[in-house]
């Protein structure tokens, strides 16, 4: 079981003016943290969860978020 899961989602403007997806993770101890996903990571997360809308990501575990961030990061290699 995941130690953290998505509890909220919102769209925000990045410094370059592009939209980013901000997911709030709720941890097992009740604390929260925000994670910014660029368009590549956001697309990968939606795809891996077979979601068509960001609201469908509520409850998804941190592992999926981590994997999406890795895909985005690896594009530079």
PDB file of N, CA and C in Angstrom:
ATOM      1  N   UNK A   1       0.835  -1.180   0.000  1.00  0.00           N
ATOM      2  CA  UNK A   1       0.000   0.000   0.000  1.00  0.00           C
ATOM      3  C   UNK A   1       0.885   1.252   0.000  1.00  0.00           C
ATOM      4  N   UNK A   2       0.425   2.254  -0.697  1.00  0.00           N
ATOM      5  CA  UNK A   2       1.180   3.493  -0.809  1.00  0.00           C
ATOM      6  C   UNK A   2       1.192   4.250   0.509  1.00  0.00           C
ATOM      7  N   UNK A   3       2.296   4.916   0.785  1.00  0.00           N
ATOM      8  CA  UNK A   3       2.400   5.737   1.989  1.00  0.00           C
ATOM      9  C   UNK A   3       1.825   7.125   1.755  1.00  0.00           C
ATOM     10  N   UNK A   4       1.577   7.477   0.494  1.00  0.00           N
ATOM     11  CA  UNK A   4       0.994   8.771   0.160  1.00  0.00           C
ATOM     12  C   UNK A   4       0.108   8.605  -1.069  1.00  0.00           C
ATOM     13  N   UNK A   5      -0.960   9.395  -1.119  1.00  0.00           N
ATOM     14  CA  UNK A   5      -1.883   9.330  -2.249  1.00  0.00           C
ATOM     15  C   UNK A   5      -2.357  10.735  -2.597  1.00  0.00           C
ATOM     16  N   UNK A   6      -2.767  10.896  -3.843  1.00  0.00           N
ATOM     17  CA  UNK A   6      -3.251  12.198  -4.308  1.00  0.00           C
ATOM     18  C   UNK A   6      -4.581  12.518  -3.623  1.00  0.00           C
ATOM     19  N   UNK A   7      -4.623  13.683  -2.978  1.00  0.00           N
ATOM     20  CA  UNK A   7      -5.850  14.107  -2.299  1.00  0.00           C
ATOM     21  C   UNK A   7      -6.474  15.343  -2.936  1.00  0.00           C
ATOM     22  N   UNK A   8      -5.727  16.047  -3.766  1.00  0.00           N
ATOM     23  CA  UNK A   8      -6.250  17.236  -4.460  1.00  0.00           C
ATOM     24  C   UNK A   8      -5.416  17.492  -5.705  1.00  0.00           C
ATOM     25  N   UNK A   9      -6.047  18.162  -6.671  1.00  0.00           N
ATOM     26  CA  UNK A   9      -5.383  18.456  -7.939  1.00  0.00           C
ATOM     27  C   UNK A   9      -5.798  19.856  -8.379  1.00  0.00           C
ATOM     28  N   UNK A  10      -4.842  20.602  -8.904  1.00  0.00           N
ATOM     29  CA  UNK A  10      -5.173  21.905  -9.479  1.00  0.00           C
ATOM     30  C   UNK A  10      -4.197  22.212 -10.613  1.00  0.00           C
ATOM     31  N   UNK A  11      -4.580  23.141 -11.450  1.00  0.00           N
ATOM     32  CA  UNK A  11      -3.733  23.595 -12.543  1.00  0.00           C
ATOM     33  C   UNK A  11      -3.116  24.926 -12.117  1.00  0.00           C
ATOM     34  N   UNK A  12      -1.837  25.094 -12.422  1.00  0.00           N
ATOM     35  CA  UNK A  12      -1.133  26.335 -12.090  1.00  0.00           C
ATOM     36  C   UNK A  12      -0.262  26.734 -13.272  1.00  0.00           C
ATOM     37  N   UNK A  13       0.080  28.003 -13.328  1.00  0.00           N
ATOM     38  CA  UNK A  13       0.974  28.492 -14.379  1.00  0.00           C
ATOM     39  C   UNK A  13       2.417  28.325 -13.932  1.00  0.00           C
ATOM     40  N   UNK A  14       3.226  27.779 -14.803  1.00  0.00           N
ATOM     41  CA  UNK A  14       4.657  27.645 -14.531  1.00  0.00           C
ATOM     42  C   UNK A  14       5.347  28.970 -14.837  1.00  0.00           C
ATOM     43  N   UNK A  15       6.608  29.053 -14.487  1.00  0.00           N
ATOM     44  CA  UNK A  15       7.354  30.289 -14.716  1.00  0.00           C
ATOM     45  C   UNK A  15       7.449  30.654 -16.197  1.00  0.00           C
ATOM     46  N   UNK A  16       7.346  29.657 -17.070  1.00  0.00           N
ATOM     47  CA  UNK A  16       7.423  29.923 -18.511  1.00  0.00           C
ATOM     48  C   UNK A  16       6.051  30.172 -19.131  1.00  0.00           C
ATOM     49  N   UNK A  17       5.014  30.215 -18.292  1.00  0.00           N
ATOM     50  CA  UNK A  17       3.671  30.493 -18.771  1.00  0.00           C
ATOM     51  C   UNK A  17       2.886  29.263 -19.184  1.00  0.00           C
ATOM     52  N   UNK A  18       3.531  28.100 -19.187  1.00  0.00           N
ATOM     53  CA  UNK A  18       2.832  26.867 -19.523  1.00  0.00           C
ATOM     54  C   UNK A  18       2.070  26.355 -18.300  1.00  0.00           C
ATOM     55  N   UNK A  19       1.041  25.588 -18.558  1.00  0.00           N
ATOM     56  CA  UNK A  19       0.256  25.023 -17.464  1.00  0.00           C
ATOM     57  C   UNK A  19       0.968  23.820 -16.862  1.00  0.00           C
ATOM     58  N   UNK A  20       0.890  23.708 -15.555  1.00  0.00           N
ATOM     59  CA  UNK A  20       1.396  22.535 -14.836  1.00  0.00           C
ATOM     60  C   UNK A  20       0.266  21.986 -13.986  1.00  0.00           C
ATOM     61  N   UNK A  21       0.359  20.727 -13.708  1.00  0.00           N
ATOM     62  CA  UNK A  21      -0.594  20.089 -12.812  1.00  0.00           C
ATOM     63  C   UNK A  21       0.055  20.013 -11.439  1.00  0.00           C
ATOM     64  N   UNK A  22      -0.646  20.491 -10.440  1.00  0.00           N
ATOM     65  CA  UNK A  22      -0.146  20.426  -9.070  1.00  0.00           C
ATOM     66  C   UNK A  22      -0.987  19.384  -8.335  1.00  0.00           C
ATOM     67  N   UNK A  23      -0.323  18.331  -7.866  1.00  0.00           N
ATOM     68  CA  UNK A  23      -1.032  17.306  -7.103  1.00  0.00           C
ATOM     69  C   UNK A  23      -0.633  17.435  -5.637  1.00  0.00           C
ATOM     70  N   UNK A  24      -1.618  17.369  -4.777  1.00  0.00           N
ATOM     71  CA  UNK A  24      -1.369  17.374  -3.342  1.00  0.00           C
ATOM     72  C   UNK A  24      -1.379  15.940  -2.867  1.00  0.00           C
ATOM     73  N   UNK A  25      -0.296  15.542  -2.224  1.00  0.00           N
ATOM     74  CA  UNK A  25      -0.193  14.194  -1.675  1.00  0.00           C
ATOM     75  C   UNK A  25      -0.501  14.237  -0.184  1.00  0.00           C
ATOM     76  N   UNK A  26      -1.371  13.348   0.251  1.00  0.00           N
ATOM     77  CA  UNK A  26      -1.631  13.202   1.681  1.00  0.00           C
ATOM     78  C   UNK A  26      -0.864  11.974   2.145  1.00  0.00           C
ATOM     79  N   UNK A  27      -0.019  12.191   3.139  1.00  0.00           N
ATOM     80  CA  UNK A  27       0.832  11.123   3.664  1.00  0.00           C
ATOM     81  C   UNK A  27       0.117  10.376   4.784  1.00  0.00           C
ATOM     82  N   UNK A  28       0.654   9.220   5.121  1.00  0.00           N
ATOM     83  CA  UNK A  28       0.054   8.373   6.143  1.00  0.00           C
ATOM     84  C   UNK A  28      -0.116   9.049   7.487  1.00  0.00           C
ATOM     85  N   UNK A  29       0.723  10.032   7.786  1.00  0.00           N
ATOM     86  CA  UNK A  29       0.627  10.723   9.077  1.00  0.00           C
ATOM     87  C   UNK A  29      -0.306  11.929   9.024  1.00  0.00           C
ATOM     88  N   UNK A  30      -0.954  12.138   7.849  1.00  0.00           N
ATOM     89  CA  UNK A  30      -1.897  13.240   7.705  1.00  0.00           C
ATOM     90  C   UNK A  30      -1.318  14.503   7.107  1.00  0.00           C
ATOM     91  N   UNK A  31      -0.002  14.595   7.012  1.00  0.00           N
ATOM     92  CA  UNK A  31       0.602  15.786   6.414  1.00  0.00           C
ATOM     93  C   UNK A  31       0.395  15.760   4.899  1.00  0.00           C
ATOM     94  N   UNK A  32       0.578  16.921   4.273  1.00  0.00           N
ATOM     95  CA  UNK A  32       0.421  17.015   2.829  1.00  0.00           C
ATOM     96  C   UNK A  32       1.642  17.681   2.207  1.00  0.00           C
ATOM     97  N   UNK A  33       1.836  17.418   0.930  1.00  0.00           N
ATOM     98  CA  UNK A  33       2.889  18.084   0.169  1.00  0.00           C
ATOM     99  C   UNK A  33       2.406  18.231  -1.267  1.00  0.00           C
ATOM    100  N   UNK A  34       2.807  19.320  -1.898  1.00  0.00           N
ATOM    101  CA  UNK A  34       2.443  19.570  -3.289  1.00  0.00           C
ATOM    102  C   UNK A  34       3.586  19.151  -4.202  1.00  0.00           C
ATOM    103  N   UNK A  35       3.222  18.553  -5.323  1.00  0.00           N
ATOM    104  CA  UNK A  35       4.190  18.139  -6.336  1.00  0.00           C
ATOM    105  C   UNK A  35       3.754  18.749  -7.656  1.00  0.00           C
ATOM    106  N   UNK A  36       4.674  19.460  -8.296  1.00  0.00           N
ATOM    107  CA  UNK A  36       4.407  20.090  -9.597  1.00  0.00           C
ATOM    108  C   UNK A  36       4.754  19.098 -10.705  1.00  0.00           C
ATOM    109  N   UNK A  37       3.831  18.931 -11.644  1.00  0.00           N
ATOM    110  CA  UNK A  37       4.064  18.054 -12.789  1.00  0.00           C
ATOM    111  C   UNK A  37       4.027  18.887 -14.067  1.00  0.00           C
ATOM    112  N   UNK A  38       5.109  18.871 -14.827  1.00  0.00           N
ATOM    113  CA  UNK A  38       5.090  19.559 -16.109  1.00  0.00           C
ATOM    114  C   UNK A  38       4.166  18.805 -17.059  1.00  0.00           C
ATOM    115  N   UNK A  39       3.991  19.331 -18.262  1.00  0.00           N
ATOM    116  CA  UNK A  39       3.021  18.722 -19.179  1.00  0.00           C
ATOM    117  C   UNK A  39       3.376  17.286 -19.544  1.00  0.00           C
ATOM    118  N   UNK A  40       4.645  16.966 -19.593  1.00  0.00           N
ATOM    119  CA  UNK A  40       5.035  15.586 -19.918  1.00  0.00           C
ATOM    120  C   UNK A  40       4.700  14.647 -18.765  1.00  0.00           C
ATOM    121  N   UNK A  41       5.052  15.029 -17.554  1.00  0.00           N
ATOM    122  CA  UNK A  41       4.742  14.203 -16.389  1.00  0.00           C
ATOM    123  C   UNK A  41       3.235  14.075 -16.191  1.00  0.00           C
ATOM    124  N   UNK A  42       2.509  15.181 -16.379  1.00  0.00           N
ATOM    125  CA  UNK A  42       1.054  15.135 -16.217  1.00  0.00           C
ATOM    126  C   UNK A  42       0.423  14.192 -17.240  1.00  0.00           C
ATOM    127  N   UNK A  43       0.876  14.283 -18.480  1.00  0.00           N
ATOM    128  CA  UNK A  43       0.354  13.389 -19.531  1.00  0.00           C
ATOM    129  C   UNK A  43       0.658  11.937 -19.220  1.00  0.00           C
ATOM    130  N   UNK A  44       1.874  11.679 -18.752  1.00  0.00           N
ATOM    131  CA  UNK A  44       2.267  10.310 -18.409  1.00  0.00           C
ATOM    132  C   UNK A  44       1.433   9.774 -17.250  1.00  0.00           C
ATOM    133  N   UNK A  45       1.179  10.606 -16.249  1.00  0.00           N
ATOM    134  CA  UNK A  45       0.374  10.171 -15.104  1.00  0.00           C
ATOM    135  C   UNK A  45      -1.049   9.838 -15.543  1.00  0.00           C
ATOM    136  N   UNK A  46      -1.647  10.700 -16.349  1.00  0.00           N
ATOM    137  CA  UNK A  46      -3.000  10.426 -16.853  1.00  0.00           C
ATOM    138  C   UNK A  46      -3.027   9.123 -17.653  1.00  0.00           C
ATOM    139  N   UNK A  47      -2.026   8.953 -18.515  1.00  0.00           N
ATOM    140  CA  UNK A  47      -1.958   7.748 -19.353  1.00  0.00           C
ATOM    141  C   UNK A  47      -1.792   6.488 -18.504  1.00  0.00           C
ATOM    142  N   UNK A  48      -0.877   6.529 -17.545  1.00  0.00           N
ATOM    143  CA  UNK A  48      -0.609   5.327 -16.749  1.00  0.00           C
ATOM    144  C   UNK A  48      -1.794   4.953 -15.857  1.00  0.00           C
ATOM    145  N   UNK A  49      -2.628   5.933 -15.542  1.00  0.00           N
ATOM    146  CA  UNK A  49      -3.813   5.673 -14.711  1.00  0.00           C
ATOM    147  C   UNK A  49      -5.062   5.469 -15.559  1.00  0.00           C
ATOM    148  N   UNK A  50      -4.891   5.506 -16.888  1.00  0.00           N
ATOM    149  CA  UNK A  50      -6.013   5.391 -17.820  1.00  0.00           C
ATOM    150  C   UNK A  50      -7.109   6.390 -17.472  1.00  0.00           C
ATOM    151  N   UNK A  51      -6.691   7.611 -17.153  1.00  0.00           N
ATOM    152  CA  UNK A  51      -7.613   8.678 -16.782  1.00  0.00           C
ATOM    153  C   UNK A  51      -7.767   9.646 -17.949  1.00  0.00           C
ATOM    154  N   UNK A  52      -8.963  10.167 -18.109  1.00  0.00           N
ATOM    155  CA  UNK A  52      -9.220  11.154 -19.155  1.00  0.00           C
ATOM    156  C   UNK A  52      -9.369  12.559 -18.581  1.00  0.00           C
ATOM    157  N   UNK A  53      -9.454  12.662 -17.268  1.00  0.00           N
ATOM    158  CA  UNK A  53      -9.602  13.953 -16.599  1.00  0.00           C
ATOM    159  C   UNK A  53      -8.795  13.927 -15.304  1.00  0.00           C
ATOM    160  N   UNK A  54      -8.142  15.022 -14.945  1.00  0.00           N
ATOM    161  CA  UNK A  54      -7.334  15.030 -13.724  1.00  0.00           C
ATOM    162  C   UNK A  54      -8.088  14.611 -12.457  1.00  0.00           C
ATOM    163  N   UNK A  55      -9.369  14.904 -12.373  1.00  0.00           N
ATOM    164  CA  UNK A  55     -10.123  14.513 -11.175  1.00  0.00           C
ATOM    165  C   UNK A  55     -10.117  13.003 -10.954  1.00  0.00           C
ATOM    166  N   UNK A  56      -9.893  12.242 -12.005  1.00  0.00           N
ATOM    167  CA  UNK A  56      -9.856  10.786 -11.893  1.00  0.00           C
ATOM    168  C   UNK A  56      -8.585  10.301 -11.199  1.00  0.00           C
ATOM    169  N   UNK A  57      -7.655  11.202 -10.934  1.00  0.00           N
ATOM    170  CA  UNK A  57      -6.398  10.833 -10.286  1.00  0.00           C
ATOM    171  C   UNK A  57      -6.485  10.837  -8.759  1.00  0.00           C
ATOM    172  N   UNK A  58      -7.577  11.338  -8.216  1.00  0.00           N
ATOM    173  CA  UNK A  58      -7.724  11.356  -6.757  1.00  0.00           C
ATOM    174  C   UNK A  58      -7.605   9.943  -6.200  1.00  0.00           C
ATOM    175  N   UNK A  59      -6.781   9.786  -5.187  1.00  0.00           N
ATOM    176  CA  UNK A  59      -6.582   8.478  -4.569  1.00  0.00           C
ATOM    177  C   UNK A  59      -5.429   7.677  -5.145  1.00  0.00           C
ATOM    178  N   UNK A  60      -4.863   8.142  -6.243  1.00  0.00           N
ATOM    179  CA  UNK A  60      -3.735   7.429  -6.865  1.00  0.00           C
ATOM    180  C   UNK A  60      -2.512   7.536  -5.955  1.00  0.00           C
ATOM    181  N   UNK A  61      -1.785   6.446  -5.829  1.00  0.00           N
ATOM    182  CA  UNK A  61      -0.621   6.396  -4.956  1.00  0.00           C
ATOM    183  C   UNK A  61       0.579   7.144  -5.495  1.00  0.00           C
ATOM    184  N   UNK A  62       1.471   7.519  -4.593  1.00  0.00           N
ATOM    185  CA  UNK A  62       2.674   8.272  -4.935  1.00  0.00           C
ATOM    186  C   UNK A  62       3.527   7.565  -5.969  1.00  0.00           C
ATOM    187  N   UNK A  63       3.513   6.257  -5.986  1.00  0.00           N
ATOM    188  CA  UNK A  63       4.365   5.517  -6.920  1.00  0.00           C
ATOM    189  C   UNK A  63       4.091   5.931  -8.367  1.00  0.00           C
ATOM    190  N   UNK A  64       2.843   6.137  -8.714  1.00  0.00           N
ATOM    191  CA  UNK A  64       2.480   6.560 -10.075  1.00  0.00           C
ATOM    192  C   UNK A  64       2.993   7.961 -10.358  1.00  0.00           C
ATOM    193  N   UNK A  65       2.931   8.838  -9.352  1.00  0.00           N
ATOM    194  CA  UNK A  65       3.446  10.203  -9.503  1.00  0.00           C
ATOM    195  C   UNK A  65       4.961  10.145  -9.714  1.00  0.00           C
ATOM    196  N   UNK A  66       5.630   9.370  -8.893  1.00  0.00           N
ATOM    197  CA  UNK A  66       7.089   9.208  -9.016  1.00  0.00           C
ATOM    198  C   UNK A  66       7.469   8.715 -10.406  1.00  0.00           C
ATOM    199  N   UNK A  67       6.769   7.703 -10.883  1.00  0.00           N
ATOM    200  CA  UNK A  67       7.084   7.137 -12.195  1.00  0.00           C
ATOM    201  C   UNK A  67       6.869   8.159 -13.311  1.00  0.00           C
ATOM    202  N   UNK A  68       5.832   8.971 -13.198  1.00  0.00           N
ATOM    203  CA  UNK A  68       5.566  10.009 -14.199  1.00  0.00           C
ATOM    204  C   UNK A  68       6.673  11.058 -14.180  1.00  0.00           C
ATOM    205  N   UNK A  69       7.141  11.421 -12.999  1.00  0.00           N
ATOM    206  CA  UNK A  69       8.238  12.382 -12.886  1.00  0.00           C
ATOM    207  C   UNK A  69       9.517  11.828 -13.506  1.00  0.00           C
ATOM    208  N   UNK A  70       9.745  10.534 -13.347  1.00  0.00           N
ATOM    209  CA  UNK A  70      10.927   9.899 -13.945  1.00  0.00           C
ATOM    210  C   UNK A  70      10.869   9.938 -15.468  1.00  0.00           C
ATOM    211  N   UNK A  71       9.698   9.692 -16.027  1.00  0.00           N
ATOM    212  CA  UNK A  71       9.549   9.756 -17.483  1.00  0.00           C
ATOM    213  C   UNK A  71       9.890  11.156 -17.980  1.00  0.00           C
ATOM    214  N   UNK A  72       9.359  12.151 -17.293  1.00  0.00           N
ATOM    215  CA  UNK A  72       9.639  13.535 -17.671  1.00  0.00           C
ATOM    216  C   UNK A  72      11.132  13.862 -17.558  1.00  0.00           C
ATOM    217  N   UNK A  73      11.741  13.450 -16.481  1.00  0.00           N
ATOM    218  CA  UNK A  73      13.152  13.722 -16.255  1.00  0.00           C
ATOM    219  C   UNK A  73      14.040  12.988 -17.262  1.00  0.00           C
ATOM    220  N   UNK A  74      13.687  11.776 -17.590  1.00  0.00           N
ATOM    221  CA  UNK A  74      14.504  10.954 -18.490  1.00  0.00           C
ATOM    222  C   UNK A  74      14.497  11.453 -19.925  1.00  0.00           C
ATOM    223  N   UNK A  75      13.617  12.370 -20.267  1.00  0.00           N
ATOM    224  CA  UNK A  75      13.586  12.867 -21.648  1.00  0.00           C
ATOM    225  C   UNK A  75      14.852  13.641 -21.991  1.00  0.00           C
ATOM    226  N   UNK A  76      15.601  14.042 -20.978  1.00  0.00           N
ATOM    227  CA  UNK A  76      16.829  14.789 -21.204  1.00  0.00           C
ATOM    228  C   UNK A  76      18.047  13.887 -21.386  1.00  0.00           C
ATOM    229  N   UNK A  77      17.882  12.605 -21.243  1.00  0.00           N
ATOM    230  CA  UNK A  77      19.017  11.685 -21.352  1.00  0.00           C
ATOM    231  C   UNK A  77      19.148  11.114 -22.737  1.00  0.00           C
TER     232      UNK A  77
END
